[in-house]
């Protein structure tokens, strides 16, 4: 712990598990006060308990990220309880795959709503306070290396991540004069519940043992390593802290070389 985020006020969406939990815990560990968003208050309990056990400061806010009214209310509550806002980490997302010819409209809409529309709304509802403060700030987004690739059957998911990186670049140009930095983190396969669940599906489709499929797929990178969620959290801390002062409009991979392997 270096305390590089001491005094900062952060909102982390999807903070109940996986990368979001690791980011929320790391922000608190570095001195920030953290509003942890999940679909319900209770879902964030383990994250809050973990932060409290290390002496950090955090509280839960709830919203269904497919409901714009709930997103607006959640952002307002977070800003009010934090006493302002310095860091927004748009982490929440869903991952799924399906052939376009088999894709229901509801499948497409849900991925679009959670992965692309919700981050736009969170920015829309947090930026006014960030701008009014006049002290700059950081807006971060959890994209994916899929934001830079073309993958059969991942059309809906990849579309949201490509769109998110485009949003990041344009927003960075828009709010840069206000001293607000905007960046995307693009993880490869990260050891999270989402990855586990998806690999169970892969193994079933491939008629192969889950353990074999998971281990081989997750290590398909230049380091042959299974990447922990903490690796993404470390990048989120760097970009939110003084080390990222002159980094904006970027989409930075955390993938152990997967994207060019």
Protein backbone atom coordinates (compact mmCIF):
# COMPACT_ATOMS: atom_id res chain seq x y z
CA UNK A 1 0.00 0.00 0.00
CA UNK A 2 1.34 3.41 -1.00
CA UNK A 3 -1.68 5.59 -0.24
CA UNK A 4 -1.57 7.15 -3.70
CA UNK A 5 -5.37 7.49 -3.75
CA UNK A 6 -5.73 8.96 -0.27
CA UNK A 7 -8.65 11.37 -0.15
CA UNK A 8 -10.04 10.24 -3.51
CA UNK A 9 -13.71 9.28 -3.93
CA UNK A 10 -14.44 6.39 -6.25
CA UNK A 11 -17.42 4.56 -7.73
CA UNK A 12 -16.87 1.01 -8.99
CA UNK A 13 -19.66 -0.76 -10.87
CA UNK A 14 -19.89 -4.53 -10.72
CA UNK A 15 -17.87 -4.49 -7.52
CA UNK A 16 -19.35 -7.60 -5.91
CA UNK A 17 -16.99 -10.10 -7.52
CA UNK A 18 -14.21 -10.73 -10.00
CA UNK A 19 -12.30 -7.79 -11.42
CA UNK A 20 -14.69 -5.26 -9.88
CA UNK A 21 -14.12 -6.59 -6.40
CA UNK A 22 -10.34 -6.60 -6.88
CA UNK A 23 -10.48 -3.00 -8.14
CA UNK A 24 -12.70 -1.80 -5.28
CA UNK A 25 -10.44 -3.46 -2.72
CA UNK A 26 -7.31 -2.01 -4.33
CA UNK A 27 -8.75 1.50 -4.46
CA UNK A 28 -9.65 1.29 -0.77
CA UNK A 29 -6.25 -0.18 0.05
CA UNK A 30 -4.64 2.85 -1.60
CA UNK A 31 -6.70 5.26 0.50
CA UNK A 32 -9.83 5.99 -1.56
CA UNK A 33 -13.35 5.87 -0.22
CA UNK A 34 -15.29 3.52 -2.50
CA UNK A 35 -18.94 3.23 -3.49
CA UNK A 36 -19.40 -0.37 -4.59
CA UNK A 37 -22.26 -0.94 -7.05
CA UNK A 38 -24.05 -4.24 -7.57
CA UNK A 39 -27.60 -5.28 -8.42
CA UNK A 40 -28.41 -5.43 -4.71
CA UNK A 41 -26.81 -4.14 -1.53
CA UNK A 42 -26.39 -7.67 -0.18
CA UNK A 43 -24.34 -8.79 -3.19
CA UNK A 44 -21.58 -6.34 -2.19
CA UNK A 45 -21.35 -7.62 1.38
CA UNK A 46 -18.21 -9.73 0.90
CA UNK A 47 -16.41 -6.87 -0.85
CA UNK A 48 -17.33 -4.43 1.93
CA UNK A 49 -16.29 -6.90 4.64
CA UNK A 50 -12.94 -7.47 2.93
CA UNK A 51 -12.29 -3.72 2.67
CA UNK A 52 -13.30 -3.14 6.29
CA UNK A 53 -11.01 -5.94 7.45
CA UNK A 54 -8.07 -4.05 5.94
CA UNK A 55 -9.16 -0.75 7.50
CA UNK A 56 -10.55 0.72 4.30
CA UNK A 57 -13.66 2.78 3.73
CA UNK A 58 -16.50 1.65 1.45
CA UNK A 59 -20.27 1.41 1.18
CA UNK A 60 -22.71 -0.29 -1.17
CA UNK A 61 -25.05 1.24 -3.74
CA UNK A 62 -27.49 -0.77 -5.83
CA UNK A 63 -28.86 -0.54 -9.37
CA UNK A 64 -30.07 -2.73 -12.19
CA UNK A 65 -27.80 -1.56 -15.00
CA UNK A 66 -30.51 -2.17 -17.59
CA UNK A 67 -32.69 0.48 -15.93
CA UNK A 68 -31.67 4.10 -16.63
CA UNK A 69 -33.72 5.44 -13.72
CA UNK A 70 -31.95 3.16 -11.26
CA UNK A 71 -28.55 4.08 -12.72
CA UNK A 72 -29.26 7.80 -12.28
CA UNK A 73 -30.44 7.29 -8.69
CA UNK A 74 -27.43 5.11 -7.88
CA UNK A 75 -24.96 7.68 -9.24
CA UNK A 76 -26.69 10.45 -7.30
CA UNK A 77 -26.57 8.47 -4.08
CA UNK A 78 -22.90 7.58 -4.58
CA UNK A 79 -21.90 11.20 -5.22
CA UNK A 80 -23.91 12.46 -2.25
CA UNK A 81 -22.50 9.92 0.18
CA UNK A 82 -18.96 10.31 -1.13
CA UNK A 83 -19.22 14.11 -0.98
CA UNK A 84 -18.12 14.36 -4.61
CA UNK A 85 -16.53 12.08 -7.18
CA UNK A 86 -12.93 11.73 -8.40
CA UNK A 87 -12.80 8.25 -9.96
CA UNK A 88 -15.43 6.29 -11.86
CA UNK A 89 -14.60 2.71 -12.78
CA UNK A 90 -17.18 1.35 -15.22
CA UNK A 91 -16.36 -2.30 -14.64
CA UNK A 92 -19.69 -4.14 -14.84
CA UNK A 93 -20.32 -6.26 -17.91
CA UNK A 94 -21.76 -9.50 -19.23
CA UNK A 95 -20.17 -11.96 -21.62
CA UNK A 96 -21.93 -14.46 -23.84
CA UNK A 97 -21.76 -15.79 -27.37
CA UNK A 98 -24.22 -16.93 -30.03
CA UNK A 99 -24.40 -17.11 -33.81
CA UNK A 100 -26.14 -14.11 -35.36
CA UNK A 101 -28.67 -16.34 -37.13
CA UNK A 102 -29.63 -17.87 -33.76
CA UNK A 103 -29.56 -14.64 -31.77
CA UNK A 104 -32.77 -13.38 -30.21
CA UNK A 105 -33.29 -9.63 -30.10
CA UNK A 106 -33.43 -9.83 -26.31
CA UNK A 107 -29.94 -11.42 -26.24
CA UNK A 108 -28.52 -8.54 -28.28
CA UNK A 109 -30.37 -5.90 -26.27
CA UNK A 110 -29.22 -7.19 -22.88
CA UNK A 111 -25.53 -7.20 -23.85
CA UNK A 112 -25.87 -3.74 -25.39
CA UNK A 113 -27.66 -2.36 -22.33
CA UNK A 114 -25.18 -3.64 -19.75
CA UNK A 115 -21.89 -3.36 -21.65
CA UNK A 116 -22.39 -0.17 -23.65
CA UNK A 117 -25.46 1.84 -22.65
CA UNK A 118 -24.91 1.54 -18.89
CA UNK A 119 -21.33 2.91 -19.00
CA UNK A 120 -22.57 5.83 -21.10
CA UNK A 121 -25.27 6.55 -18.53
CA UNK A 122 -22.90 6.25 -15.57
CA UNK A 123 -20.62 8.79 -17.26
CA UNK A 124 -23.55 11.05 -18.11
CA UNK A 125 -24.73 11.06 -14.49
CA UNK A 126 -21.30 11.42 -12.82
CA UNK A 127 -19.55 13.87 -15.13
CA UNK A 128 -21.56 16.98 -14.13
CA UNK A 129 -20.37 16.71 -10.52
CA UNK A 130 -16.82 15.89 -11.61
CA UNK A 131 -16.74 18.90 -13.91
CA UNK A 132 -18.33 21.24 -11.37
CA UNK A 133 -15.67 20.38 -8.78
CA UNK A 134 -13.05 21.84 -11.09
CA UNK A 135 -10.35 19.46 -9.87
CA UNK A 136 -10.29 17.03 -12.78
CA UNK A 137 -10.97 13.34 -12.39
CA UNK A 138 -10.75 9.91 -13.95
CA UNK A 139 -13.31 7.91 -15.91
CA UNK A 140 -12.23 4.32 -16.55
CA UNK A 141 -13.91 1.52 -18.48
CA UNK A 142 -13.40 -2.23 -18.45
CA UNK A 143 -13.37 -3.16 -22.12
CA UNK A 144 -11.66 -6.32 -23.42
CA UNK A 145 -9.06 -7.42 -25.92
CA UNK A 146 -12.21 -8.39 -27.86
CA UNK A 147 -12.53 -4.65 -28.49
CA UNK A 148 -9.69 -5.06 -30.99
CA UNK A 149 -10.48 -8.43 -32.58
CA UNK A 150 -13.06 -10.19 -34.73
CA UNK A 151 -14.37 -13.41 -33.21
CA UNK A 152 -17.03 -15.65 -34.71
CA UNK A 153 -20.16 -16.02 -32.54
CA UNK A 154 -19.02 -13.19 -30.23
CA UNK A 155 -20.59 -10.55 -32.47
CA UNK A 156 -22.79 -8.89 -29.85
CA UNK A 157 -20.14 -8.89 -27.12
CA UNK A 158 -17.35 -7.66 -29.40
CA UNK A 159 -19.60 -4.95 -30.80
CA UNK A 160 -20.13 -3.53 -27.32
CA UNK A 161 -16.42 -3.56 -26.56
CA UNK A 162 -15.46 -1.98 -29.89
CA UNK A 163 -18.10 0.66 -29.19
CA UNK A 164 -16.85 1.22 -25.66
CA UNK A 165 -13.31 1.95 -26.85
CA UNK A 166 -14.71 4.39 -29.42
CA UNK A 167 -16.74 6.06 -26.67
CA UNK A 168 -13.64 6.33 -24.48
CA UNK A 169 -11.61 8.05 -27.19
CA UNK A 170 -14.33 10.57 -28.01
CA UNK A 171 -15.13 11.27 -24.35
CA UNK A 172 -11.44 11.82 -23.61
CA UNK A 173 -11.36 14.54 -26.27
CA UNK A 174 -14.58 16.06 -24.91
CA UNK A 175 -13.64 16.32 -21.23
CA UNK A 176 -9.86 16.64 -21.50
CA UNK A 177 -10.06 20.44 -21.20
CA UNK A 178 -11.76 19.89 -17.82
CA UNK A 179 -8.73 17.94 -16.60
CA UNK A 180 -10.63 14.65 -16.76
CA UNK A 181 -8.78 11.62 -18.08
CA UNK A 182 -10.66 8.78 -19.80
CA UNK A 183 -9.18 5.35 -20.51
CA UNK A 184 -10.18 1.77 -21.19
CA UNK A 185 -8.57 -1.32 -19.72
CA UNK A 186 -8.69 -4.28 -22.11
CA UNK A 187 -8.22 -7.55 -20.24
CA UNK A 188 -7.64 -10.87 -21.93
CA UNK A 189 -8.90 -14.00 -20.21
CA UNK A 190 -8.89 -13.27 -16.48
CA UNK A 191 -9.49 -15.83 -13.71
CA UNK A 192 -13.02 -14.81 -12.69
CA UNK A 193 -16.38 -16.50 -12.21
CA UNK A 194 -17.41 -15.26 -15.66
CA UNK A 195 -14.42 -17.03 -17.21
CA UNK A 196 -15.16 -20.20 -15.26
CA UNK A 197 -18.81 -20.22 -16.34
CA UNK A 198 -17.93 -19.59 -20.00
CA UNK A 199 -15.32 -22.35 -20.01
CA UNK A 200 -17.86 -24.79 -18.63
CA UNK A 201 -19.94 -23.95 -21.72
CA UNK A 202 -16.91 -24.32 -23.99
CA UNK A 203 -16.08 -27.72 -22.49
CA UNK A 204 -19.65 -28.90 -22.96
CA UNK A 205 -19.68 -27.76 -26.60
CA UNK A 206 -16.27 -29.35 -27.25
CA UNK A 207 -17.11 -32.53 -25.31
CA UNK A 208 -13.81 -32.16 -23.46
CA UNK A 209 -13.01 -32.17 -19.71
CA UNK A 210 -13.58 -28.72 -18.20
CA UNK A 211 -10.24 -28.66 -16.36
CA UNK A 212 -8.32 -29.31 -19.58
CA UNK A 213 -10.24 -26.72 -21.58
CA UNK A 214 -9.93 -24.06 -18.86
CA UNK A 215 -6.21 -24.56 -18.28
CA UNK A 216 -5.25 -24.62 -21.96
CA UNK A 217 -7.46 -21.67 -22.93
CA UNK A 218 -6.53 -19.45 -20.00
CA UNK A 219 -2.79 -20.02 -20.60
CA UNK A 220 -2.98 -19.21 -24.31
CA UNK A 221 -0.78 -16.14 -24.00
CA UNK A 222 2.90 -15.26 -24.30
CA UNK A 223 3.58 -15.94 -20.62
CA UNK A 224 1.52 -19.16 -20.45
CA UNK A 225 0.03 -17.75 -17.26
CA UNK A 226 -3.47 -17.69 -15.81
CA UNK A 227 -4.00 -13.97 -15.14
CA UNK A 228 -5.53 -13.03 -11.76
CA UNK A 229 -8.10 -10.26 -11.33
CA UNK A 230 -5.51 -8.33 -9.30
CA UNK A 231 -3.55 -7.66 -12.49
CA UNK A 232 -6.45 -5.62 -13.83
CA UNK A 233 -6.87 -3.90 -10.46
CA UNK A 234 -3.21 -2.88 -10.52
CA UNK A 235 -3.73 -1.20 -13.89
CA UNK A 236 -6.89 0.51 -12.61
CA UNK A 237 -4.91 1.92 -9.67
CA UNK A 238 -2.12 3.12 -11.95
CA UNK A 239 -4.51 4.88 -14.32
CA UNK A 240 -6.42 6.49 -11.43
CA UNK A 241 -3.28 7.61 -9.65
CA UNK A 242 -0.46 10.07 -10.33
CA UNK A 243 1.34 7.61 -12.61
CA UNK A 244 -1.45 8.01 -15.15
CA UNK A 245 -1.47 11.81 -15.11
CA UNK A 246 -0.72 12.12 -18.82
CA UNK A 247 -2.49 8.98 -20.02
CA UNK A 248 -5.88 9.55 -21.65
CA UNK A 249 -7.86 8.32 -24.63
CA UNK A 250 -6.11 4.96 -24.47
CA UNK A 251 -7.20 1.32 -24.56
CA UNK A 252 -4.53 -0.56 -22.60
CA UNK A 253 -4.29 -4.35 -22.79
CA UNK A 254 -3.77 -6.52 -19.71
CA UNK A 255 -3.54 -9.87 -21.44
CA UNK A 256 0.00 -11.32 -21.04
CA UNK A 257 0.50 -10.81 -24.77
CA UNK A 258 -2.66 -12.67 -25.83
CA UNK A 259 -3.73 -9.88 -28.19
CA UNK A 260 -0.65 -10.28 -30.39
CA UNK A 261 0.05 -13.99 -29.81
